[in-house]
Amino acid sequence: MGESITRVADFLERNDAYMSIEARSMDICSEAGEVAKEVLAATEYGRRPFQAAAAPGLAGEIGDLLYSVLALAAEVGIDPEAALDAALDKYQKRLAGGSMGSGGSAGSVGAAG
């Protein structure tokens, strides 16, 4: 296990901050929405290019999202480093086939899948 997951697992233990998997999953959705909200506000809903200076809260929201994802991994016993390695391998294979997304085209290389 990496340092980040260990830190989160220790935090959960010290603070008895465990949640049900359902609640943690909804927390992840909520935090992802907060990230999106920061990006949308910074770009005026896509009307201007993204600039980090226009999204001062983005780093904090990404931190909240990372915490929630790592907490879920800790709570269900998934090694996030192994999961990330598997995802990177999957995306590398998709790129070799001309697509990054699960159903996209070669033009979707910049999109998450």
PDB file of N, CA and C in Angstrom:
ATOM      1  N   MET A   1       0.832  -1.191   0.000  1.00  0.00           N
ATOM      2  CA  MET A   1       0.000   0.000   0.000  1.00  0.00           C
ATOM      3  C   MET A   1       0.869   1.245   0.000  1.00  0.00           C
ATOM      4  N   GLY A   2       0.438   2.254  -0.744  1.00  0.00           N
ATOM      5  CA  GLY A   2       1.178   3.494  -0.809  1.00  0.00           C
ATOM      6  C   GLY A   2       0.973   4.366   0.414  1.00  0.00           C
ATOM      7  N   GLU A   3       1.750   5.430   0.475  1.00  0.00           N
ATOM      8  CA  GLU A   3       1.696   6.330   1.629  1.00  0.00           C
ATOM      9  C   GLU A   3       0.338   7.005   1.777  1.00  0.00           C
ATOM     10  N   SER A   4      -0.266   7.414   0.663  1.00  0.00           N
ATOM     11  CA  SER A   4      -1.549   8.117   0.747  1.00  0.00           C
ATOM     12  C   SER A   4      -2.644   7.245   1.338  1.00  0.00           C
ATOM     13  N   ILE A   5      -2.747   6.003   0.888  1.00  0.00           N
ATOM     14  CA  ILE A   5      -3.797   5.122   1.407  1.00  0.00           C
ATOM     15  C   ILE A   5      -3.554   4.811   2.880  1.00  0.00           C
ATOM     16  N   THR A   6      -2.289   4.676   3.256  1.00  0.00           N
ATOM     17  CA  THR A   6      -1.964   4.429   4.659  1.00  0.00           C
ATOM     18  C   THR A   6      -2.376   5.620   5.516  1.00  0.00           C
ATOM     19  N   ARG A   7      -2.107   6.821   5.033  1.00  0.00           N
ATOM     20  CA  ARG A   7      -2.494   8.021   5.768  1.00  0.00           C
ATOM     21  C   ARG A   7      -4.007   8.121   5.920  1.00  0.00           C
ATOM     22  N   VAL A   8      -4.726   7.807   4.846  1.00  0.00           N
ATOM     23  CA  VAL A   8      -6.188   7.860   4.910  1.00  0.00           C
ATOM     24  C   VAL A   8      -6.722   6.774   5.841  1.00  0.00           C
ATOM     25  N   ALA A   9      -6.200   5.565   5.727  1.00  0.00           N
ATOM     26  CA  ALA A   9      -6.648   4.473   6.603  1.00  0.00           C
ATOM     27  C   ALA A   9      -6.392   4.823   8.065  1.00  0.00           C
ATOM     28  N   ASP A  10      -5.239   5.404   8.355  1.00  0.00           N
ATOM     29  CA  ASP A  10      -4.936   5.830   9.728  1.00  0.00           C
ATOM     30  C   ASP A  10      -5.907   6.913  10.190  1.00  0.00           C
ATOM     31  N   PHE A  11      -6.213   7.856   9.317  1.00  0.00           N
ATOM     32  CA  PHE A  11      -7.160   8.921   9.644  1.00  0.00           C
ATOM     33  C   PHE A  11      -8.533   8.346   9.962  1.00  0.00           C
ATOM     34  N   LEU A  12      -8.989   7.407   9.119  1.00  0.00           N
ATOM     35  CA  LEU A  12     -10.287   6.774   9.352  1.00  0.00           C
ATOM     36  C   LEU A  12     -10.320   6.097  10.717  1.00  0.00           C
ATOM     37  N   GLU A  13      -9.258   5.379  11.027  1.00  0.00           N
ATOM     38  CA  GLU A  13      -9.177   4.649  12.300  1.00  0.00           C
ATOM     39  C   GLU A  13      -9.163   5.612  13.491  1.00  0.00           C
ATOM     40  N   ARG A  14      -8.283   6.612  13.429  1.00  0.00           N
ATOM     41  CA  ARG A  14      -8.147   7.568  14.536  1.00  0.00           C
ATOM     42  C   ARG A  14      -9.436   8.328  14.812  1.00  0.00           C
ATOM     43  N   ASN A  15     -10.175   8.628  13.759  1.00  0.00           N
ATOM     44  CA  ASN A  15     -11.348   9.480  13.892  1.00  0.00           C
ATOM     45  C   ASN A  15     -12.669   8.728  13.770  1.00  0.00           C
ATOM     46  N   ASP A  16     -12.588   7.415  13.714  1.00  0.00           N
ATOM     47  CA  ASP A  16     -13.783   6.591  13.525  1.00  0.00           C
ATOM     48  C   ASP A  16     -14.658   7.202  12.427  1.00  0.00           C
ATOM     49  N   ALA A  17     -14.031   7.458  11.286  1.00  0.00           N
ATOM     50  CA  ALA A  17     -14.685   8.169  10.179  1.00  0.00           C
ATOM     51  C   ALA A  17     -15.150   7.226   9.078  1.00  0.00           C
ATOM     52  N   TYR A  18     -15.444   5.999   9.439  1.00  0.00           N
ATOM     53  CA  TYR A  18     -15.908   5.031   8.450  1.00  0.00           C
ATOM     54  C   TYR A  18     -17.342   5.345   8.034  1.00  0.00           C
ATOM     55  N   MET A  19     -17.680   4.963   6.810  1.00  0.00           N
ATOM     56  CA  MET A  19     -19.034   5.114   6.285  1.00  0.00           C
ATOM     57  C   MET A  19     -19.433   3.799   5.638  1.00  0.00           C
ATOM     58  N   SER A  20     -20.717   3.633   5.428  1.00  0.00           N
ATOM     59  CA  SER A  20     -21.155   2.493   4.629  1.00  0.00           C
ATOM     60  C   SER A  20     -20.652   2.692   3.203  1.00  0.00           C
ATOM     61  N   ILE A  21     -20.528   1.612   2.460  1.00  0.00           N
ATOM     62  CA  ILE A  21     -20.057   1.723   1.083  1.00  0.00           C
ATOM     63  C   ILE A  21     -21.020   2.579   0.251  1.00  0.00           C
ATOM     64  N   GLU A  22     -22.301   2.504   0.571  1.00  0.00           N
ATOM     65  CA  GLU A  22     -23.284   3.315  -0.154  1.00  0.00           C
ATOM     66  C   GLU A  22     -23.065   4.803   0.120  1.00  0.00           C
ATOM     67  N   ALA A  23     -22.886   5.144   1.381  1.00  0.00           N
ATOM     68  CA  ALA A  23     -22.658   6.546   1.737  1.00  0.00           C
ATOM     69  C   ALA A  23     -21.337   7.046   1.169  1.00  0.00           C
ATOM     70  N   ARG A  24     -20.302   6.224   1.229  1.00  0.00           N
ATOM     71  CA  ARG A  24     -19.007   6.633   0.688  1.00  0.00           C
ATOM     72  C   ARG A  24     -19.109   6.833  -0.819  1.00  0.00           C
ATOM     73  N   SER A  25     -19.842   5.959  -1.503  1.00  0.00           N
ATOM     74  CA  SER A  25     -20.016   6.098  -2.953  1.00  0.00           C
ATOM     75  C   SER A  25     -20.727   7.405  -3.297  1.00  0.00           C
ATOM     76  N   MET A  26     -21.738   7.752  -2.530  1.00  0.00           N
ATOM     77  CA  MET A  26     -22.432   9.018  -2.761  1.00  0.00           C
ATOM     78  C   MET A  26     -21.537  10.209  -2.433  1.00  0.00           C
ATOM     79  N   ASP A  27     -20.679  10.060  -1.427  1.00  0.00           N
ATOM     80  CA  ASP A  27     -19.729  11.105  -1.086  1.00  0.00           C
ATOM     81  C   ASP A  27     -18.776  11.352  -2.261  1.00  0.00           C
ATOM     82  N   ILE A  28     -18.335  10.271  -2.905  1.00  0.00           N
ATOM     83  CA  ILE A  28     -17.454  10.402  -4.071  1.00  0.00           C
ATOM     84  C   ILE A  28     -18.179  11.164  -5.185  1.00  0.00           C
ATOM     85  N   CYS A  29     -19.437  10.819  -5.426  1.00  0.00           N
ATOM     86  CA  CYS A  29     -20.212  11.525  -6.450  1.00  0.00           C
ATOM     87  C   CYS A  29     -20.338  13.011  -6.114  1.00  0.00           C
ATOM     88  N   SER A  30     -20.597  13.297  -4.864  1.00  0.00           N
ATOM     89  CA  SER A  30     -20.717  14.679  -4.423  1.00  0.00           C
ATOM     90  C   SER A  30     -19.415  15.448  -4.619  1.00  0.00           C
ATOM     91  N   GLU A  31     -18.308  14.827  -4.232  1.00  0.00           N
ATOM     92  CA  GLU A  31     -17.006  15.495  -4.375  1.00  0.00           C
ATOM     93  C   GLU A  31     -16.644  15.684  -5.841  1.00  0.00           C
ATOM     94  N   ALA A  32     -16.969  14.700  -6.699  1.00  0.00           N
ATOM     95  CA  ALA A  32     -16.717  14.854  -8.141  1.00  0.00           C
ATOM     96  C   ALA A  32     -17.542  16.021  -8.685  1.00  0.00           C
ATOM     97  N   GLY A  33     -18.752  16.172  -8.184  1.00  0.00           N
ATOM     98  CA  GLY A  33     -19.582  17.307  -8.578  1.00  0.00           C
ATOM     99  C   GLY A  33     -18.971  18.634  -8.165  1.00  0.00           C
ATOM    100  N   GLU A  34     -18.349  18.661  -6.997  1.00  0.00           N
ATOM    101  CA  GLU A  34     -17.682  19.890  -6.540  1.00  0.00           C
ATOM    102  C   GLU A  34     -16.493  20.241  -7.440  1.00  0.00           C
ATOM    103  N   VAL A  35     -15.753  19.230  -7.892  1.00  0.00           N
ATOM    104  CA  VAL A  35     -14.654  19.463  -8.843  1.00  0.00           C
ATOM    105  C   VAL A  35     -15.226  20.050 -10.130  1.00  0.00           C
ATOM    106  N   ALA A  36     -16.274  19.432 -10.644  1.00  0.00           N
ATOM    107  CA  ALA A  36     -16.898  19.917 -11.877  1.00  0.00           C
ATOM    108  C   ALA A  36     -17.412  21.346 -11.712  1.00  0.00           C
ATOM    109  N   LYS A  37     -17.995  21.637 -10.557  1.00  0.00           N
ATOM    110  CA  LYS A  37     -18.514  22.983 -10.294  1.00  0.00           C
ATOM    111  C   LYS A  37     -17.401  24.031 -10.358  1.00  0.00           C
ATOM    112  N   GLU A  38     -16.242  23.697  -9.783  1.00  0.00           N
ATOM    113  CA  GLU A  38     -15.096  24.619  -9.833  1.00  0.00           C
ATOM    114  C   GLU A  38     -14.655  24.872 -11.273  1.00  0.00           C
ATOM    115  N   VAL A  39     -14.578  23.810 -12.070  1.00  0.00           N
ATOM    116  CA  VAL A  39     -14.151  23.937 -13.472  1.00  0.00           C
ATOM    117  C   VAL A  39     -15.191  24.737 -14.264  1.00  0.00           C
ATOM    118  N   LEU A  40     -16.456  24.411 -14.074  1.00  0.00           N
ATOM    119  CA  LEU A  40     -17.502  25.133 -14.797  1.00  0.00           C
ATOM    120  C   LEU A  40     -17.525  26.612 -14.438  1.00  0.00           C
ATOM    121  N   ALA A  41     -17.363  26.927 -13.167  1.00  0.00           N
ATOM    122  CA  ALA A  41     -17.333  28.330 -12.751  1.00  0.00           C
ATOM    123  C   ALA A  41     -16.123  29.042 -13.334  1.00  0.00           C
ATOM    124  N   ALA A  42     -14.974  28.365 -13.340  1.00  0.00           N
ATOM    125  CA  ALA A  42     -13.745  28.987 -13.844  1.00  0.00           C
ATOM    126  C   ALA A  42     -13.795  29.227 -15.347  1.00  0.00           C
ATOM    127  N   THR A  43     -14.588  28.438 -16.050  1.00  0.00           N
ATOM    128  CA  THR A  43     -14.673  28.578 -17.511  1.00  0.00           C
ATOM    129  C   THR A  43     -15.979  29.229 -17.960  1.00  0.00           C
ATOM    130  N   GLU A  44     -16.750  29.708 -16.997  1.00  0.00           N
ATOM    131  CA  GLU A  44     -18.081  30.252 -17.303  1.00  0.00           C
ATOM    132  C   GLU A  44     -18.846  29.270 -18.181  1.00  0.00           C
ATOM    133  N   TYR A  45     -18.902  28.026 -17.696  1.00  0.00           N
ATOM    134  CA  TYR A  45     -19.607  26.938 -18.387  1.00  0.00           C
ATOM    135  C   TYR A  45     -19.107  26.754 -19.816  1.00  0.00           C
ATOM    136  N   GLY A  46     -17.777  26.803 -19.971  1.00  0.00           N
ATOM    137  CA  GLY A  46     -17.153  26.532 -21.257  1.00  0.00           C
ATOM    138  C   GLY A  46     -17.039  27.716 -22.186  1.00  0.00           C
ATOM    139  N   ARG A  47     -17.417  28.888 -21.729  1.00  0.00           N
ATOM    140  CA  ARG A  47     -17.345  30.066 -22.594  1.00  0.00           C
ATOM    141  C   ARG A  47     -15.950  30.677 -22.667  1.00  0.00           C
ATOM    142  N   ARG A  48     -15.068  30.259 -21.765  1.00  0.00           N
ATOM    143  CA  ARG A  48     -13.687  30.753 -21.839  1.00  0.00           C
ATOM    144  C   ARG A  48     -12.749  29.602 -21.476  1.00  0.00           C
ATOM    145  N   PRO A  49     -11.496  29.677 -21.922  1.00  0.00           N
ATOM    146  CA  PRO A  49     -10.540  28.602 -21.630  1.00  0.00           C
ATOM    147  C   PRO A  49     -10.264  28.501 -20.129  1.00  0.00           C
ATOM    148  N   PHE A  50      -9.984  27.288 -19.688  1.00  0.00           N
ATOM    149  CA  PHE A  50      -9.674  27.077 -18.281  1.00  0.00           C
ATOM    150  C   PHE A  50      -8.316  27.674 -17.936  1.00  0.00           C
ATOM    151  N   GLN A  51      -8.262  28.381 -16.825  1.00  0.00           N
ATOM    152  CA  GLN A  51      -7.013  28.876 -16.251  1.00  0.00           C
ATOM    153  C   GLN A  51      -7.086  28.606 -14.754  1.00  0.00           C
ATOM    154  N   ALA A  52      -6.033  27.986 -14.230  1.00  0.00           N
ATOM    155  CA  ALA A  52      -6.024  27.580 -12.827  1.00  0.00           C
ATOM    156  C   ALA A  52      -6.275  28.754 -11.882  1.00  0.00           C
ATOM    157  N   ALA A  53      -5.791  29.921 -12.239  1.00  0.00           N
ATOM    158  CA  ALA A  53      -5.976  31.089 -11.374  1.00  0.00           C
ATOM    159  C   ALA A  53      -7.451  31.431 -11.186  1.00  0.00           C
ATOM    160  N   ALA A  54      -8.280  31.027 -12.130  1.00  0.00           N
ATOM    161  CA  ALA A  54      -9.714  31.305 -12.040  1.00  0.00           C
ATOM    162  C   ALA A  54     -10.447  30.264 -11.194  1.00  0.00           C
ATOM    163  N   ALA A  55      -9.729  29.241 -10.742  1.00  0.00           N
ATOM    164  CA  ALA A  55     -10.349  28.174  -9.942  1.00  0.00           C
ATOM    165  C   ALA A  55      -9.544  27.943  -8.674  1.00  0.00           C
ATOM    166  N   PRO A  56      -9.509  28.922  -7.772  1.00  0.00           N
ATOM    167  CA  PRO A  56      -8.677  28.782  -6.582  1.00  0.00           C
ATOM    168  C   PRO A  56      -9.092  27.646  -5.653  1.00  0.00           C
ATOM    169  N   GLY A  57     -10.337  27.206  -5.737  1.00  0.00           N
ATOM    170  CA  GLY A  57     -10.802  26.124  -4.879  1.00  0.00           C
ATOM    171  C   GLY A  57     -10.613  24.736  -5.474  1.00  0.00           C
ATOM    172  N   LEU A  58     -10.111  24.645  -6.697  1.00  0.00           N
ATOM    173  CA  LEU A  58     -10.017  23.358  -7.377  1.00  0.00           C
ATOM    174  C   LEU A  58      -9.101  22.375  -6.658  1.00  0.00           C
ATOM    175  N   ALA A  59      -7.953  22.817  -6.211  1.00  0.00           N
ATOM    176  CA  ALA A  59      -7.021  21.909  -5.522  1.00  0.00           C
ATOM    177  C   ALA A  59      -7.664  21.308  -4.276  1.00  0.00           C
ATOM    178  N   GLY A  60      -8.370  22.121  -3.533  1.00  0.00           N
ATOM    179  CA  GLY A  60      -9.045  21.619  -2.340  1.00  0.00           C
ATOM    180  C   GLY A  60     -10.128  20.608  -2.667  1.00  0.00           C
ATOM    181  N   GLU A  61     -10.872  20.863  -3.737  1.00  0.00           N
ATOM    182  CA  GLU A  61     -11.928  19.926  -4.135  1.00  0.00           C
ATOM    183  C   GLU A  61     -11.330  18.621  -4.665  1.00  0.00           C
ATOM    184  N   ILE A  62     -10.227  18.710  -5.378  1.00  0.00           N
ATOM    185  CA  ILE A  62      -9.551  17.488  -5.832  1.00  0.00           C
ATOM    186  C   ILE A  62      -9.041  16.714  -4.620  1.00  0.00           C
ATOM    187  N   GLY A  63      -8.526  17.422  -3.628  1.00  0.00           N
ATOM    188  CA  GLY A  63      -8.090  16.766  -2.393  1.00  0.00           C
ATOM    189  C   GLY A  63      -9.233  16.051  -1.704  1.00  0.00           C
ATOM    190  N   ASP A  64     -10.401  16.689  -1.659  1.00  0.00           N
ATOM    191  CA  ASP A  64     -11.574  16.049  -1.050  1.00  0.00           C
ATOM    192  C   ASP A  64     -11.966  14.793  -1.822  1.00  0.00           C
ATOM    193  N   LEU A  65     -11.922  14.870  -3.143  1.00  0.00           N
ATOM    194  CA  LEU A  65     -12.266  13.718  -3.977  1.00  0.00           C
ATOM    195  C   LEU A  65     -11.269  12.579  -3.778  1.00  0.00           C
ATOM    196  N   LEU A  66      -9.985  12.918  -3.756  1.00  0.00           N
ATOM    197  CA  LEU A  66      -8.965  11.890  -3.523  1.00  0.00           C
ATOM    198  C   LEU A  66      -9.158  11.220  -2.163  1.00  0.00           C
ATOM    199  N   TYR A  67      -9.426  12.024  -1.149  1.00  0.00           N
ATOM    200  CA  TYR A  67      -9.671  11.456   0.177  1.00  0.00           C
ATOM    201  C   TYR A  67     -10.816  10.458   0.120  1.00  0.00           C
ATOM    202  N   SER A  68     -11.916  10.854  -0.504  1.00  0.00           N
ATOM    203  CA  SER A  68     -13.097   9.990  -0.554  1.00  0.00           C
ATOM    204  C   SER A  68     -12.816   8.693  -1.304  1.00  0.00           C
ATOM    205  N   VAL A  69     -12.095   8.773  -2.421  1.00  0.00           N
ATOM    206  CA  VAL A  69     -11.769   7.566  -3.197  1.00  0.00           C
ATOM    207  C   VAL A  69     -10.822   6.669  -2.402  1.00  0.00           C
ATOM    208  N   LEU A  70      -9.809   7.260  -1.779  1.00  0.00           N
ATOM    209  CA  LEU A  70      -8.872   6.466  -0.982  1.00  0.00           C
ATOM    210  C   LEU A  70      -9.544   5.870   0.245  1.00  0.00           C
ATOM    211  N   ALA A  71     -10.490   6.604   0.831  1.00  0.00           N
ATOM    212  CA  ALA A  71     -11.229   6.063   1.977  1.00  0.00           C
ATOM    213  C   ALA A  71     -12.043   4.848   1.547  1.00  0.00           C
ATOM    214  N   LEU A  72     -12.693   4.931   0.399  1.00  0.00           N
ATOM    215  CA  LEU A  72     -13.442   3.783  -0.100  1.00  0.00           C
ATOM    216  C   LEU A  72     -12.516   2.595  -0.319  1.00  0.00           C
ATOM    217  N   ALA A  73     -11.376   2.838  -0.943  1.00  0.00           N
ATOM    218  CA  ALA A  73     -10.419   1.754  -1.178  1.00  0.00           C
ATOM    219  C   ALA A  73      -9.996   1.121   0.147  1.00  0.00           C
ATOM    220  N   ALA A  74      -9.702   1.944   1.135  1.00  0.00           N
ATOM    221  CA  ALA A  74      -9.292   1.423   2.441  1.00  0.00           C
ATOM    222  C   ALA A  74     -10.417   0.622   3.087  1.00  0.00           C
ATOM    223  N   GLU A  75     -11.635   1.129   2.986  1.00  0.00           N
ATOM    224  CA  GLU A  75     -12.770   0.484   3.639  1.00  0.00           C
ATOM    225  C   GLU A  75     -13.135  -0.856   3.007  1.00  0.00           C
ATOM    226  N   VAL A  76     -12.864  -1.014   1.711  1.00  0.00           N
ATOM    227  CA  VAL A  76     -13.231  -2.274   1.046  1.00  0.00           C
ATOM    228  C   VAL A  76     -12.027  -3.154   0.750  1.00  0.00           C
ATOM    229  N   GLY A  77     -10.830  -2.707   1.150  1.00  0.00           N
ATOM    230  CA  GLY A  77      -9.641  -3.532   1.018  1.00  0.00           C
ATOM    231  C   GLY A  77      -9.050  -3.606  -0.373  1.00  0.00           C
ATOM    232  N   ILE A  78      -9.192  -2.549  -1.149  1.00  0.00           N
ATOM    233  CA  ILE A  78      -8.597  -2.496  -2.488  1.00  0.00           C
ATOM    234  C   ILE A  78      -7.315  -1.676  -2.423  1.00  0.00           C
ATOM    235  N   ASP A  79      -6.262  -2.205  -3.009  1.00  0.00           N
ATOM    236  CA  ASP A  79      -4.991  -1.488  -3.100  1.00  0.00           C
ATOM    237  C   ASP A  79      -5.110  -0.484  -4.249  1.00  0.00           C
ATOM    238  N   PRO A  80      -5.162   0.826  -3.948  1.00  0.00           N
ATOM    239  CA  PRO A  80      -5.354   1.811  -5.017  1.00  0.00           C
ATOM    240  C   PRO A  80      -4.190   1.858  -6.003  1.00  0.00           C
ATOM    241  N   GLU A  81      -2.980   1.544  -5.559  1.00  0.00           N
ATOM    242  CA  GLU A  81      -1.832   1.521  -6.481  1.00  0.00           C
ATOM    243  C   GLU A  81      -2.014   0.416  -7.516  1.00  0.00           C
ATOM    244  N   ALA A  82      -2.445  -0.763  -7.074  1.00  0.00           N
ATOM    245  CA  ALA A  82      -2.688  -1.868  -8.000  1.00  0.00           C
ATOM    246  C   ALA A  82      -3.852  -1.533  -8.929  1.00  0.00           C
ATOM    247  N   ALA A  83      -4.894  -0.907  -8.389  1.00  0.00           N
ATOM    248  CA  ALA A  83      -6.034  -0.521  -9.214  1.00  0.00           C
ATOM    249  C   ALA A  83      -5.626   0.509 -10.259  1.00  0.00           C
ATOM    250  N   LEU A  84      -4.788   1.475  -9.873  1.00  0.00           N
ATOM    251  CA  LEU A  84      -4.309   2.477 -10.819  1.00  0.00           C
ATOM    252  C   LEU A  84      -3.437   1.841 -11.892  1.00  0.00           C
ATOM    253  N   ASP A  85      -2.544   0.942 -11.487  1.00  0.00           N
ATOM    254  CA  ASP A  85      -1.704   0.244 -12.465  1.00  0.00           C
ATOM    255  C   ASP A  85      -2.562  -0.491 -13.491  1.00  0.00           C
ATOM    256  N   ALA A  86      -3.601  -1.172 -13.014  1.00  0.00           N
ATOM    257  CA  ALA A  86      -4.493  -1.909 -13.913  1.00  0.00           C
ATOM    258  C   ALA A  86      -5.225  -0.949 -14.855  1.00  0.00           C
ATOM    259  N   ALA A  87      -5.665   0.194 -14.326  1.00  0.00           N
ATOM    260  CA  ALA A  87      -6.358   1.179 -15.164  1.00  0.00           C
ATOM    261  C   ALA A  87      -5.420   1.749 -16.228  1.00  0.00           C
ATOM    262  N   LEU A  88      -4.182   2.065 -15.843  1.00  0.00           N
ATOM    263  CA  LEU A  88      -3.231   2.595 -16.817  1.00  0.00           C
ATOM    264  C   LEU A  88      -2.940   1.575 -17.911  1.00  0.00           C
ATOM    265  N   ASP A  89      -2.812   0.315 -17.527  1.00  0.00           N
ATOM    266  CA  ASP A  89      -2.612  -0.746 -18.524  1.00  0.00           C
ATOM    267  C   ASP A  89      -3.813  -0.816 -19.467  1.00  0.00           C
ATOM    268  N   LYS A  90      -5.009  -0.742 -18.913  1.00  0.00           N
ATOM    269  CA  LYS A  90      -6.235  -0.787 -19.716  1.00  0.00           C
ATOM    270  C   LYS A  90      -6.267   0.368 -20.709  1.00  0.00           C
ATOM    271  N   TYR A  91      -5.959   1.578 -20.228  1.00  0.00           N
ATOM    272  CA  TYR A  91      -5.988   2.736 -21.109  1.00  0.00           C
ATOM    273  C   TYR A  91      -4.880   2.671 -22.164  1.00  0.00           C
ATOM    274  N   GLN A  92      -3.745   2.120 -21.802  1.00  0.00           N
ATOM    275  CA  GLN A  92      -2.665   1.961 -22.782  1.00  0.00           C
ATOM    276  C   GLN A  92      -3.113   1.041 -23.918  1.00  0.00           C
ATOM    277  N   LYS A  93      -3.794  -0.042 -23.565  1.00  0.00           N
ATOM    278  CA  LYS A  93      -4.310  -0.964 -24.581  1.00  0.00           C
ATOM    279  C   LYS A  93      -5.368  -0.289 -25.441  1.00  0.00           C
ATOM    280  N   ARG A  94      -6.224   0.508 -24.823  1.00  0.00           N
ATOM    281  CA  ARG A  94      -7.243   1.225 -25.598  1.00  0.00           C
ATOM    282  C   ARG A  94      -6.601   2.212 -26.562  1.00  0.00           C
ATOM    283  N   LEU A  95      -5.576   2.927 -26.085  1.00  0.00           N
ATOM    284  CA  LEU A  95      -4.880   3.870 -26.959  1.00  0.00           C
ATOM    285  C   LEU A  95      -4.239   3.147 -28.144  1.00  0.00           C
ATOM    286  N   ALA A  96      -3.672   1.989 -27.887  1.00  0.00           N
ATOM    287  CA  ALA A  96      -3.068   1.208 -28.958  1.00  0.00           C
ATOM    288  C   ALA A  96      -4.118   0.819 -29.989  1.00  0.00           C
ATOM    289  N   GLY A  97      -5.363   0.682 -29.558  1.00  0.00           N
ATOM    290  CA  GLY A  97      -6.465   0.370 -30.452  1.00  0.00           C
ATOM    291  C   GLY A  97      -7.111   1.609 -31.050  1.00  0.00           C
ATOM    292  N   GLY A  98      -6.604   2.798 -30.716  1.00  0.00           N
ATOM    293  CA  GLY A  98      -7.095   4.037 -31.307  1.00  0.00           C
ATOM    294  C   GLY A  98      -8.117   4.792 -30.492  1.00  0.00           C
ATOM    295  N   SER A  99      -8.399   4.354 -29.264  1.00  0.00           N
ATOM    296  CA  SER A  99      -9.413   5.022 -28.463  1.00  0.00           C
ATOM    297  C   SER A  99      -9.015   5.020 -26.993  1.00  0.00           C
ATOM    298  N   MET A 100      -9.271   6.102 -26.302  1.00  0.00           N
ATOM    299  CA  MET A 100      -9.012   6.173 -24.874  1.00  0.00           C
ATOM    300  C   MET A 100     -10.234   5.768 -24.073  1.00  0.00           C
ATOM    301  N   GLY A 101     -11.405   6.125 -24.576  1.00  0.00           N
ATOM    302  CA  GLY A 101     -12.638   5.852 -23.851  1.00  0.00           C
ATOM    303  C   GLY A 101     -13.163   4.455 -24.082  1.00  0.00           C
ATOM    304  N   SER A 102     -14.169   4.108 -23.311  1.00  0.00           N
ATOM    305  CA  SER A 102     -14.728   2.763 -23.409  1.00  0.00           C
ATOM    306  C   SER A 102     -15.551   2.593 -24.678  1.00  0.00           C
ATOM    307  N   GLY A 103     -15.995   3.672 -25.280  1.00  0.00           N
ATOM    308  CA  GLY A 103     -16.777   3.544 -26.504  1.00  0.00           C
ATOM    309  C   GLY A 103     -16.500   4.674 -27.473  1.00  0.00           C
ATOM    310  N   GLY A 104     -15.442   5.445 -27.199  1.00  0.00           N
ATOM    311  CA  GLY A 104     -15.150   6.615 -28.015  1.00  0.00           C
ATOM    312  C   GLY A 104     -14.293   6.301 -29.223  1.00  0.00           C
ATOM    313  N   SER A 105     -13.890   7.353 -29.891  1.00  0.00           N
ATOM    314  CA  SER A 105     -13.041   7.233 -31.060  1.00  0.00           C
ATOM    315  C   SER A 105     -11.662   7.763 -30.727  1.00  0.00           C
ATOM    316  N   ALA A 106     -10.761   7.707 -31.695  1.00  0.00           N
ATOM    317  CA  ALA A 106      -9.398   8.203 -31.483  1.00  0.00           C
ATOM    318  C   ALA A 106      -9.402   9.664 -31.071  1.00  0.00           C
ATOM    319  N   GLY A 107     -10.449  10.392 -31.430  1.00  0.00           N
ATOM    320  CA  GLY A 107     -10.556  11.796 -31.060  1.00  0.00           C
ATOM    321  C   GLY A 107     -10.860  12.005 -29.591  1.00  0.00           C
ATOM    322  N   SER A 108     -11.126  10.952 -28.866  1.00  0.00           N
ATOM    323  CA  SER A 108     -11.471  11.091 -27.443  1.00  0.00           C
ATOM    324  C   SER A 108     -10.284  10.840 -26.533  1.00  0.00           C
ATOM    325  N   VAL A 109      -9.070  10.938 -27.066  1.00  0.00           N
ATOM    326  CA  VAL A 109      -7.874  10.634 -26.278  1.00  0.00           C
ATOM    327  C   VAL A 109      -7.789  11.481 -25.031  1.00  0.00           C
ATOM    328  N   GLY A 110      -8.239  12.727 -25.062  1.00  0.00           N
ATOM    329  CA  GLY A 110      -8.155  13.587 -23.888  1.00  0.00           C
ATOM    330  C   GLY A 110      -9.257  13.360 -22.881  1.00  0.00           C
ATOM    331  N   ALA A 111     -10.201  12.545 -23.187  1.00  0.00           N
ATOM    332  CA  ALA A 111     -11.337  12.320 -22.289  1.00  0.00           C
ATOM    333  C   ALA A 111     -11.073  11.124 -21.390  1.00  0.00           C
ATOM    334  N   ALA A 112     -11.676  11.170 -20.232  1.00  0.00           N
ATOM    335  CA  ALA A 112     -11.585  10.025 -19.316  1.00  0.00           C
ATOM    336  C   ALA A 112     -12.541   8.953 -19.789  1.00  0.00           C
ATOM    337  N   GLY A 113     -12.180   7.692 -19.510  1.00  0.00           N
ATOM    338  CA  GLY A 113     -13.049   6.617 -19.984  1.00  0.00           C
ATOM    339  C   GLY A 113     -13.574   5.802 -18.950  1.00  0.00           C
TER     340      GLY A 113
END
